[in-house]
Amino acid sequence: MANVVVIGAQWGDEGKGKITDLLSRSADVVVRYQGGVNAGHTIVVDQKVLKLHLIPSGILYPETICLIGSGTVVDPKVMLEEIEMLKENSIDISGLQLSSTAHVTMPYHRLIDKAMEERRGLNKIGTTGRGIGPTYADKSQRSGIRVIDLLDEKKLRQCLEVPLAEKNEVLCKIYGKEALNEENIIQEYLNYGKQLEPHVVDCTRIIHHASRNKKNILFEGAQGTLLDLDHGTYPFVTSSNPVSGGACVGAGVGPTLIDRVIGVAKAYTTRVGEGPFPTELQGTVNDQLCSRGGEYGTTTGRRRRCGWFDGVIGKYAVQVNGLDCLAITKLDVLDELEEIKICTAYELNGETIDYFPSNADDFSKCSPILKTIPGWKSSTAHCRKLKDLPPAAMAYLRLLAELMEVPIAIVSLGASRDQTIVVEDPIHGPKRALLSS
């Protein structure tokens, strides 16, 4: 039995959806523990592309319980749309469960999110405009609406009265927007609650019942380590804690329940939105990575910024999350490159540093120190074992393991499930993976 956390080891978009889908074959319960519809997973099954924002990737396995935990923020309209999309694709959703204490994104959260970003102008953060930050802000201010409130009209009216009056003042007087109608919101969200009620559960009780019965539990993080509210590149971060420690808070479990932490990292680096990015590329190579990697956001469609693999933030992710092993994705995107560069350290104010600086101004001044290695100039898309990989590709993977000081358990070579090399079973295998420096 093993309980595993899967996290992004970069700025998100590392391909966690595919890895979670792969690991879900061995999981009895999959728990999404933070974030909201600002996240997105793309999964390819039988040449069919499925895009999920809230529902855990494990939903593709009929026997798996998929739980949206208390640490998430839920846009019920989007969730219901995802449910309908899954039904249309003949996917069983009977195992889908939603924590009664998860907070709900309301219409005013989306409006305020977009208005705040517009007002920031050149200082914008690059939010998705989906209302995630304002939802978490209300949660912290104890004025939020929770899923359980959508099941009781009297309670919803009581919970909404003061916050909506305040939000309407903000929308009208500060941002020049129209006020929202209270009755329309109440009726709309009561209807959402009625549709979601069959899925609503006590999150913590479900997880602990599974644990007592020796079930395998997979905790799925959204976004990535460098977007963590406390440990990322603040202020260009998300509003929650994607790091492995966030699984305990967002799911309602103690750290002793976690057996292993798996980090997912691309074979290069990408970033969406604003903020410093030391290894960012411009020109032909950037375009090549974006095109071959399909680097457009699942949620927003925005083009991702592309750069060389950054071993400094990689090592930081290992430390912050306590990673046991890695899943390296999109190795095949590098197949056509003559040479590949890897950031091994930074130059900051004339000095070489090998750590991630906590000072945002210092990080924005960091220049990458790059190591150049030859590319392999051949397709890896059909490789299914390590011995199938070109020697230069194997050398590259070993260098990544050396830089991040953690072994590699999985190598992904495309979007489909079968385009994967499993070096070891990250859930049931030995503690150390086989591919190391």
Protein backbone atom coordinates (compact mmCIF):
# COMPACT_ATOMS: atom_id res chain seq x y z
CA MET A 1 0.00 0.00 0.00
CA ALA A 2 1.28 3.47 -0.84
CA ASN A 3 -0.13 6.99 -0.67
CA VAL A 4 1.52 9.24 -3.25
CA VAL A 5 1.56 12.97 -4.00
CA VAL A 6 2.12 14.09 -7.60
CA ILE A 7 3.29 17.68 -7.98
CA GLY A 8 4.61 19.97 -10.70
CA ALA A 9 8.32 20.69 -10.31
CA GLN A 10 8.38 23.83 -12.47
CA TRP A 11 5.83 26.59 -13.25
CA GLY A 12 3.00 24.19 -13.99
CA ASP A 13 1.97 22.71 -17.35
CA GLU A 14 4.51 19.89 -16.89
CA GLY A 15 2.18 17.14 -18.10
CA LYS A 16 0.83 16.11 -14.69
CA GLY A 17 -2.48 15.06 -16.26
CA LYS A 18 -0.88 12.24 -18.22
CA ILE A 19 1.28 11.13 -15.28
CA THR A 20 -1.68 11.20 -12.88
CA ASP A 21 -3.71 9.24 -15.42
CA LEU A 22 -0.89 6.68 -15.65
CA LEU A 23 -0.54 6.33 -11.88
CA SER A 24 -4.30 6.20 -11.38
CA ARG A 25 -4.26 2.65 -12.73
CA SER A 26 -2.78 1.64 -9.36
CA ALA A 27 -4.82 4.04 -7.24
CA ASP A 28 -8.10 3.41 -5.47
CA VAL A 29 -8.68 7.08 -4.66
CA VAL A 30 -7.42 10.19 -6.50
CA VAL A 31 -7.68 13.50 -4.62
CA ARG A 32 -7.34 16.95 -6.16
CA TYR A 33 -6.20 19.07 -3.22
CA GLN A 34 -5.89 22.73 -4.36
CA GLY A 35 -6.45 25.24 -7.14
CA GLY A 36 -9.53 25.77 -9.25
CA VAL A 37 -10.49 26.10 -12.89
CA ASN A 38 -7.31 28.10 -13.46
CA ALA A 39 -5.63 24.70 -13.82
CA GLY A 40 -6.00 22.30 -16.69
CA HIS A 41 -5.06 18.75 -17.60
CA THR A 42 -5.08 17.39 -21.13
CA ILE A 43 -5.30 13.62 -21.47
CA VAL A 44 -5.19 11.66 -24.72
CA VAL A 45 -6.96 8.28 -24.66
CA ASP A 46 -7.53 6.23 -27.83
CA GLN A 47 -6.69 9.33 -29.89
CA LYS A 48 -9.41 11.23 -28.05
CA VAL A 49 -8.36 14.51 -26.36
CA LEU A 50 -10.02 15.20 -22.99
CA LYS A 51 -9.48 18.51 -21.20
CA LEU A 52 -10.18 18.66 -17.48
CA HIS A 53 -9.98 21.62 -15.12
CA LEU A 54 -11.46 20.43 -11.84
CA ILE A 55 -12.19 16.72 -12.13
CA PRO A 56 -9.17 14.51 -11.29
CA SER A 57 -7.56 12.58 -14.13
CA GLY A 58 -8.40 9.29 -12.42
CA ILE A 59 -12.03 9.68 -13.55
CA LEU A 60 -11.12 7.62 -16.64
CA TYR A 61 -10.91 4.50 -14.45
CA PRO A 62 -14.43 3.34 -13.46
CA GLU A 63 -13.40 1.71 -10.17
CA THR A 64 -11.49 4.77 -8.94
CA ILE A 65 -12.95 7.29 -6.49
CA CYS A 66 -12.14 10.82 -7.68
CA LEU A 67 -12.40 13.36 -4.91
CA ILE A 68 -12.22 17.15 -5.22
CA GLY A 69 -10.87 18.14 -1.82
CA SER A 70 -11.57 20.95 0.60
CA GLY A 71 -8.52 22.93 -0.49
CA THR A 72 -9.87 23.46 -3.99
CA VAL A 73 -12.14 26.28 -5.10
CA VAL A 74 -14.97 25.11 -7.31
CA ASP A 75 -16.75 26.86 -10.15
CA PRO A 76 -19.92 24.72 -10.23
CA LYS A 77 -20.86 25.79 -13.75
CA VAL A 78 -17.52 24.58 -15.12
CA MET A 79 -17.70 21.38 -13.09
CA LEU A 80 -21.12 20.55 -14.47
CA GLU A 81 -19.87 21.23 -17.99
CA GLU A 82 -17.01 18.80 -17.40
CA ILE A 83 -19.43 16.18 -16.08
CA GLU A 84 -21.54 16.56 -19.21
CA MET A 85 -18.47 16.29 -21.43
CA LEU A 86 -17.42 13.07 -19.70
CA LYS A 87 -20.93 11.61 -20.05
CA GLU A 88 -20.92 12.45 -23.75
CA ASN A 89 -17.68 10.45 -24.02
CA SER A 90 -19.29 7.47 -22.22
CA ILE A 91 -17.09 7.89 -19.13
CA ASP A 92 -18.52 6.64 -15.84
CA ILE A 93 -18.69 9.45 -13.25
CA SER A 94 -20.19 7.39 -10.42
CA GLY A 95 -16.91 7.65 -8.52
CA LEU A 96 -16.82 11.46 -8.63
CA GLN A 97 -17.04 13.08 -5.18
CA LEU A 98 -16.88 16.71 -4.08
CA SER A 99 -15.95 17.98 -0.64
CA SER A 100 -18.81 19.74 1.10
CA THR A 101 -16.35 22.28 2.54
CA ALA A 102 -14.69 23.30 -0.74
CA HIS A 103 -15.22 26.99 -1.46
CA VAL A 104 -17.25 28.17 -4.44
CA THR A 105 -16.23 30.69 -7.08
CA MET A 106 -19.08 33.17 -7.46
CA PRO A 107 -19.85 35.55 -10.38
CA TYR A 108 -18.41 38.54 -8.52
CA HIS A 109 -15.11 36.73 -8.04
CA ARG A 110 -14.61 36.48 -11.80
CA LEU A 111 -15.62 40.10 -12.41
CA ILE A 112 -13.32 41.44 -9.70
CA ASP A 113 -10.43 39.24 -10.85
CA LYS A 114 -10.62 40.64 -14.39
CA ALA A 115 -11.14 44.22 -13.22
CA MET A 116 -8.15 44.07 -10.86
CA GLU A 117 -5.91 42.69 -13.60
CA GLU A 118 -7.02 45.41 -16.02
CA ARG A 119 -6.26 48.10 -13.45
CA ARG A 120 -2.75 46.74 -12.83
CA GLY A 121 -1.81 47.66 -16.37
CA LEU A 122 1.89 47.06 -16.98
CA ASN A 123 2.14 45.53 -13.50
CA LYS A 124 -0.35 42.77 -14.27
CA ILE A 125 0.27 39.34 -12.78
CA GLY A 126 -1.11 37.32 -15.68
CA THR A 127 -4.06 35.66 -13.92
CA THR A 128 -6.49 33.52 -15.87
CA GLY A 129 -9.36 35.84 -14.92
CA ARG A 130 -11.34 32.88 -13.56
CA GLY A 131 -11.87 34.38 -10.10
CA ILE A 132 -9.52 32.07 -8.23
CA GLY A 133 -7.59 34.70 -6.25
CA PRO A 134 -10.73 36.55 -5.06
CA THR A 135 -12.32 33.22 -4.07
CA TYR A 136 -9.34 32.31 -1.90
CA ALA A 137 -9.30 35.87 -0.52
CA ASP A 138 -12.91 35.53 0.64
CA LYS A 139 -12.07 32.15 2.12
CA SER A 140 -9.29 33.77 4.19
CA GLN A 141 -11.60 36.62 5.21
CA ARG A 142 -14.24 34.08 6.35
CA SER A 143 -16.81 35.50 3.95
CA GLY A 144 -16.76 32.71 1.37
CA ILE A 145 -19.53 30.46 0.08
CA ARG A 146 -18.94 26.71 0.44
CA VAL A 147 -20.41 23.81 -1.50
CA ILE A 148 -22.58 22.82 1.46
CA ASP A 149 -24.18 26.30 1.39
CA LEU A 150 -25.56 25.61 -2.10
CA LEU A 151 -27.72 22.82 -0.68
CA ASP A 152 -29.74 25.06 1.66
CA GLU A 153 -31.57 28.14 0.34
CA LYS A 154 -31.86 29.80 3.76
CA LYS A 155 -28.15 29.29 4.45
CA LEU A 156 -27.14 30.54 1.00
CA ARG A 157 -29.20 33.70 1.40
CA GLN A 158 -27.67 34.30 4.81
CA CYS A 159 -24.10 33.70 3.61
CA LEU A 160 -24.50 35.82 0.46
CA GLU A 161 -26.21 38.90 1.85
CA VAL A 162 -23.24 40.84 3.27
CA PRO A 163 -20.50 39.72 0.82
CA LEU A 164 -22.63 40.50 -2.25
CA ALA A 165 -23.52 43.97 -0.95
CA GLU A 166 -19.81 44.68 -0.41
CA LYS A 167 -18.79 43.24 -3.78
CA ASN A 168 -21.44 45.28 -5.59
CA GLU A 169 -20.06 48.45 -4.02
CA VAL A 170 -16.56 47.50 -5.15
CA LEU A 171 -17.74 46.65 -8.66
CA CYS A 172 -19.78 49.85 -9.05
CA LYS A 173 -17.75 52.47 -7.20
CA ILE A 174 -14.21 51.30 -7.85
CA TYR A 175 -14.35 49.49 -11.19
CA GLY A 176 -17.38 51.11 -12.80
CA LYS A 177 -19.17 47.81 -13.40
CA GLU A 178 -22.86 46.99 -13.05
CA ALA A 179 -24.18 45.55 -9.78
CA LEU A 180 -25.13 41.87 -9.66
CA ASN A 181 -28.68 40.76 -8.88
CA GLU A 182 -28.88 38.79 -5.65
CA GLU A 183 -31.96 36.76 -6.51
CA ASN A 184 -30.55 35.70 -9.88
CA ILE A 185 -27.38 34.44 -8.23
CA ILE A 186 -29.27 32.57 -5.53
CA GLN A 187 -31.50 30.75 -8.00
CA GLU A 188 -28.60 29.95 -10.32
CA TYR A 189 -26.41 28.55 -7.56
CA LEU A 190 -29.20 26.63 -5.84
CA ASN A 191 -29.74 24.91 -9.17
CA TYR A 192 -26.02 24.08 -9.34
CA GLY A 193 -26.20 22.72 -5.80
CA LYS A 194 -29.14 20.50 -6.65
CA GLN A 195 -27.25 18.99 -9.61
CA LEU A 196 -24.04 18.49 -7.64
CA GLU A 197 -25.65 17.18 -4.43
CA PRO A 198 -25.31 13.46 -5.36
CA HIS A 199 -21.53 13.95 -5.46
CA VAL A 200 -21.12 15.94 -2.21
CA VAL A 201 -19.29 14.14 0.64
CA ASP A 202 -17.27 14.66 3.79
CA CYS A 203 -13.80 14.75 2.25
CA THR A 204 -11.70 13.90 5.30
CA ARG A 205 -13.94 11.00 6.35
CA ILE A 206 -13.77 9.44 2.89
CA ILE A 207 -9.97 9.64 2.74
CA HIS A 208 -9.45 8.25 6.21
CA HIS A 209 -11.88 5.42 5.55
CA ALA A 210 -9.85 4.54 2.44
CA SER A 211 -6.62 4.72 4.43
CA ARG A 212 -7.92 2.43 7.17
CA ASN A 213 -8.87 -0.07 4.49
CA LYS A 214 -5.33 -0.04 3.04
CA LYS A 215 -6.33 1.63 -0.21
CA ASN A 216 -3.84 3.38 -2.51
CA ILE A 217 -4.44 7.14 -2.47
CA LEU A 218 -3.05 9.50 -5.09
CA PHE A 219 -2.98 13.22 -4.26
CA GLU A 220 -3.00 15.38 -7.38
CA GLY A 221 -1.63 18.92 -7.31
CA ALA A 222 -2.49 21.63 -9.83
CA GLN A 223 -0.06 24.25 -11.21
CA GLY A 224 3.58 23.89 -10.09
CA THR A 225 6.09 24.52 -7.32
CA LEU A 226 7.27 27.91 -8.62
CA LEU A 227 3.65 29.12 -8.60
CA ASP A 228 3.18 28.29 -4.92
CA LEU A 229 1.77 31.20 -2.93
CA ASP A 230 4.41 30.91 -0.21
CA HIS A 231 7.36 29.31 -1.99
CA GLY A 232 7.06 30.46 -5.60
CA THR A 233 8.11 33.51 -7.61
CA TYR A 234 5.85 35.90 -5.68
CA PRO A 235 3.88 37.95 -6.69
CA PHE A 236 3.68 36.03 -9.98
CA VAL A 237 2.13 33.00 -8.32
CA THR A 238 -1.20 31.28 -7.85
CA SER A 239 -3.44 31.71 -4.78
CA SER A 240 -2.88 28.31 -3.16
CA ASN A 241 -0.15 25.80 -2.29
CA PRO A 242 0.66 23.35 -5.11
CA VAL A 243 3.68 22.00 -3.18
CA SER A 244 3.45 18.56 -1.61
CA GLY A 245 2.71 19.98 1.85
CA GLY A 246 -0.46 21.48 0.40
CA ALA A 247 -1.83 17.97 -0.03
CA CYS A 248 -2.12 17.53 3.72
CA VAL A 249 -3.95 20.81 4.22
CA GLY A 250 -6.12 20.64 1.11
CA ALA A 251 -7.18 17.03 1.62
CA GLY A 252 -7.35 17.06 5.42
CA VAL A 253 -4.72 14.42 6.21
CA GLY A 254 -1.62 14.29 8.38
CA PRO A 255 1.88 14.12 6.84
CA THR A 256 2.40 10.59 8.19
CA LEU A 257 -0.18 9.37 5.67
CA ILE A 258 2.09 10.29 2.73
CA ASP A 259 4.51 7.58 1.60
CA ARG A 260 6.05 9.11 -1.51
CA VAL A 261 6.23 12.34 -3.50
CA ILE A 262 6.67 12.31 -7.28
CA GLY A 263 7.69 15.45 -9.15
CA VAL A 264 6.76 16.03 -12.79
CA ALA A 265 9.09 18.15 -14.94
CA LYS A 266 9.31 18.82 -18.65
CA ALA A 267 12.56 18.07 -20.44
CA TYR A 268 12.67 21.84 -20.96
CA THR A 269 10.89 24.67 -19.10
CA THR A 270 7.75 26.68 -19.81
CA ARG A 271 5.89 29.45 -18.09
CA VAL A 272 2.50 31.13 -18.63
CA GLY A 273 1.83 34.70 -17.63
CA GLU A 274 4.14 37.33 -16.25
CA GLY A 275 7.26 37.09 -14.09
CA PRO A 276 10.99 36.41 -14.40
CA PHE A 277 12.14 33.38 -16.39
CA PRO A 278 15.97 33.08 -16.50
CA THR A 279 16.21 30.44 -19.25
CA GLU A 280 13.53 31.91 -21.51
CA LEU A 281 14.28 31.63 -25.22
CA GLN A 282 13.45 33.89 -28.15
CA GLY A 283 13.49 33.19 -31.86
CA THR A 284 13.69 29.92 -33.75
CA VAL A 285 14.33 27.47 -30.89
CA ASN A 286 11.54 29.02 -28.82
CA ASP A 287 9.13 28.67 -31.75
CA GLN A 288 10.28 25.09 -32.34
CA LEU A 289 9.67 24.06 -28.73
CA CYS A 290 6.29 25.80 -28.68
CA SER A 291 5.19 24.17 -31.93
CA ARG A 292 6.45 20.63 -31.25
CA GLY A 293 5.33 20.74 -27.62
CA GLY A 294 1.88 22.21 -28.32
CA GLU A 295 2.64 24.86 -25.73
CA TYR A 296 -0.73 26.54 -25.40
CA GLY A 297 -2.61 26.65 -22.09
CA THR A 298 -5.40 24.11 -21.52
CA THR A 299 -7.42 26.70 -19.61
CA THR A 300 -6.68 29.98 -21.42
CA GLY A 301 -5.21 28.98 -24.77
CA ARG A 302 -2.37 31.41 -24.12
CA ARG A 303 0.98 30.62 -25.71
CA ARG A 304 3.47 29.44 -23.13
CA ARG A 305 6.91 30.98 -22.82
CA CYS A 306 9.58 28.35 -23.52
CA GLY A 307 13.15 27.98 -22.25
CA TRP A 308 15.92 25.52 -21.52
CA PHE A 309 15.68 23.14 -18.58
CA ASP A 310 16.48 24.99 -15.35
CA GLY A 311 18.35 22.77 -12.92
CA VAL A 312 18.39 25.47 -10.23
CA ILE A 313 14.62 25.67 -9.86
CA GLY A 314 14.56 21.89 -10.31
CA LYS A 315 16.76 21.34 -7.28
CA TYR A 316 14.67 23.86 -5.34
CA ALA A 317 11.52 21.88 -6.20
CA VAL A 318 13.16 18.71 -4.91
CA GLN A 319 13.96 20.41 -1.61
CA VAL A 320 10.61 22.17 -1.09
CA ASN A 321 8.57 19.06 -1.93
CA GLY A 322 10.83 16.31 -0.58
CA LEU A 323 10.73 14.56 -3.94
CA ASP A 324 11.51 10.84 -4.05
CA CYS A 325 11.61 10.54 -7.83
CA LEU A 326 10.83 12.31 -11.09
CA ALA A 327 8.67 11.91 -14.13
CA ILE A 328 10.28 13.65 -17.11
CA THR A 329 7.80 14.59 -19.83
CA LYS A 330 8.01 15.74 -23.46
CA LEU A 331 11.51 14.40 -24.07
CA ASP A 332 10.45 13.85 -27.68
CA VAL A 333 10.03 17.62 -28.19
CA LEU A 334 13.84 17.90 -28.18
CA ASP A 335 14.33 15.22 -30.85
CA GLU A 336 15.17 17.60 -33.70
CA LEU A 337 17.62 19.89 -31.91
CA GLU A 338 21.29 19.91 -32.93
CA GLU A 339 22.31 20.88 -29.42
CA ILE A 340 20.55 21.27 -26.10
CA LYS A 341 21.38 23.63 -23.26
CA ILE A 342 20.76 23.16 -19.55
CA CYS A 343 20.94 25.78 -16.82
CA THR A 344 23.28 24.54 -14.08
CA ALA A 345 23.59 27.76 -12.06
CA TYR A 346 22.83 31.49 -12.15
CA GLU A 347 24.98 34.57 -12.35
CA LEU A 348 23.77 37.26 -9.95
CA ASN A 349 25.60 40.57 -9.57
CA GLY A 350 28.79 39.05 -10.93
CA GLU A 351 28.68 35.99 -8.66
CA THR A 352 27.76 32.39 -9.42
CA ILE A 353 24.94 30.94 -7.31
CA ASP A 354 23.43 27.45 -7.43
CA TYR A 355 20.28 28.19 -5.42
CA PHE A 356 16.91 29.83 -6.04
CA PRO A 357 16.99 33.35 -4.49
CA SER A 358 13.98 34.13 -2.32
CA ASN A 359 14.25 37.84 -3.14
CA ALA A 360 12.09 38.49 -6.21
CA ASP A 361 14.28 41.39 -7.36
CA ASP A 362 17.38 39.19 -7.18
CA PHE A 363 15.66 36.44 -9.14
CA SER A 364 14.70 38.88 -11.90
CA LYS A 365 18.39 39.79 -12.26
CA CYS A 366 19.62 36.19 -12.56
CA SER A 367 21.25 35.13 -15.81
CA PRO A 368 21.51 31.40 -16.58
CA ILE A 369 24.84 29.63 -16.73
CA LEU A 370 24.30 27.08 -19.47
CA LYS A 371 25.89 23.76 -20.26
CA THR A 372 25.66 22.65 -23.90
CA ILE A 373 25.34 19.01 -24.90
CA PRO A 374 24.73 17.42 -28.31
CA GLY A 375 21.22 16.52 -29.36
CA TRP A 376 20.27 13.09 -30.66
CA LYS A 377 18.58 14.12 -33.91
CA SER A 378 16.33 11.07 -34.05
CA SER A 379 12.78 10.25 -33.01
CA THR A 380 12.16 8.91 -29.49
CA ALA A 381 8.37 8.75 -29.91
CA HIS A 382 8.35 4.97 -30.34
CA CYS A 383 10.80 4.13 -27.53
CA ARG A 384 9.27 1.98 -24.79
CA LYS A 385 12.37 0.94 -22.84
CA LEU A 386 15.45 2.84 -21.73
CA LYS A 387 17.63 0.73 -24.03
CA ASP A 388 15.57 2.02 -26.98
CA LEU A 389 16.64 5.62 -26.37
CA PRO A 390 19.55 7.15 -28.32
CA PRO A 391 22.73 7.35 -26.18
CA ALA A 392 22.61 11.16 -26.22
CA ALA A 393 19.04 11.12 -24.88
CA MET A 394 20.11 8.77 -22.07
CA ALA A 395 23.03 11.09 -21.27
CA TYR A 396 20.62 14.02 -21.11
CA LEU A 397 18.30 12.22 -18.68
CA ARG A 398 21.22 11.25 -16.45
CA LEU A 399 22.34 14.87 -16.39
CA LEU A 400 18.85 15.99 -15.31
CA ALA A 401 18.87 13.41 -12.51
CA GLU A 402 22.29 14.63 -11.43
CA LEU A 403 21.26 18.29 -11.43
CA MET A 404 18.05 17.69 -9.48
CA GLU A 405 19.73 15.14 -7.19
CA VAL A 406 16.84 12.72 -7.49
CA PRO A 407 16.32 9.65 -9.72
CA ILE A 408 13.93 9.35 -12.64
CA ALA A 409 11.07 6.83 -12.53
CA ILE A 410 9.06 7.74 -15.65
CA VAL A 411 9.93 9.17 -19.06
CA SER A 412 7.10 10.46 -21.27
CA LEU A 413 7.63 10.64 -25.02
CA GLY A 414 4.27 11.91 -26.27
CA ALA A 415 0.71 12.64 -25.26
CA SER A 416 -0.71 9.11 -25.54
CA ARG A 417 -0.72 6.67 -22.61
CA ASP A 418 1.48 4.15 -24.42
CA GLN A 419 4.20 6.71 -25.23
CA THR A 420 5.82 6.16 -21.86
CA ILE A 421 8.86 4.44 -20.38
CA VAL A 422 8.23 3.28 -16.83
CA VAL A 423 11.63 2.75 -15.26
CA GLU A 424 9.96 1.51 -12.10
CA ASP A 425 6.48 1.48 -10.63
CA PRO A 426 6.49 4.72 -8.60
CA ILE A 427 3.71 3.45 -6.35
CA HIS A 428 4.63 -0.18 -5.72
CA GLY A 429 8.30 -0.23 -6.72
CA PRO A 430 11.39 0.24 -4.53
CA LYS A 431 11.99 3.59 -2.86
CA ARG A 432 14.77 4.55 -5.30
CA ALA A 433 14.21 4.69 -9.04
CA LEU A 434 16.66 2.98 -11.37
CA LEU A 435 17.66 5.87 -13.64
CA SER A 436 19.96 8.12 -11.61
CA SER A 437 23.13 10.08 -12.20
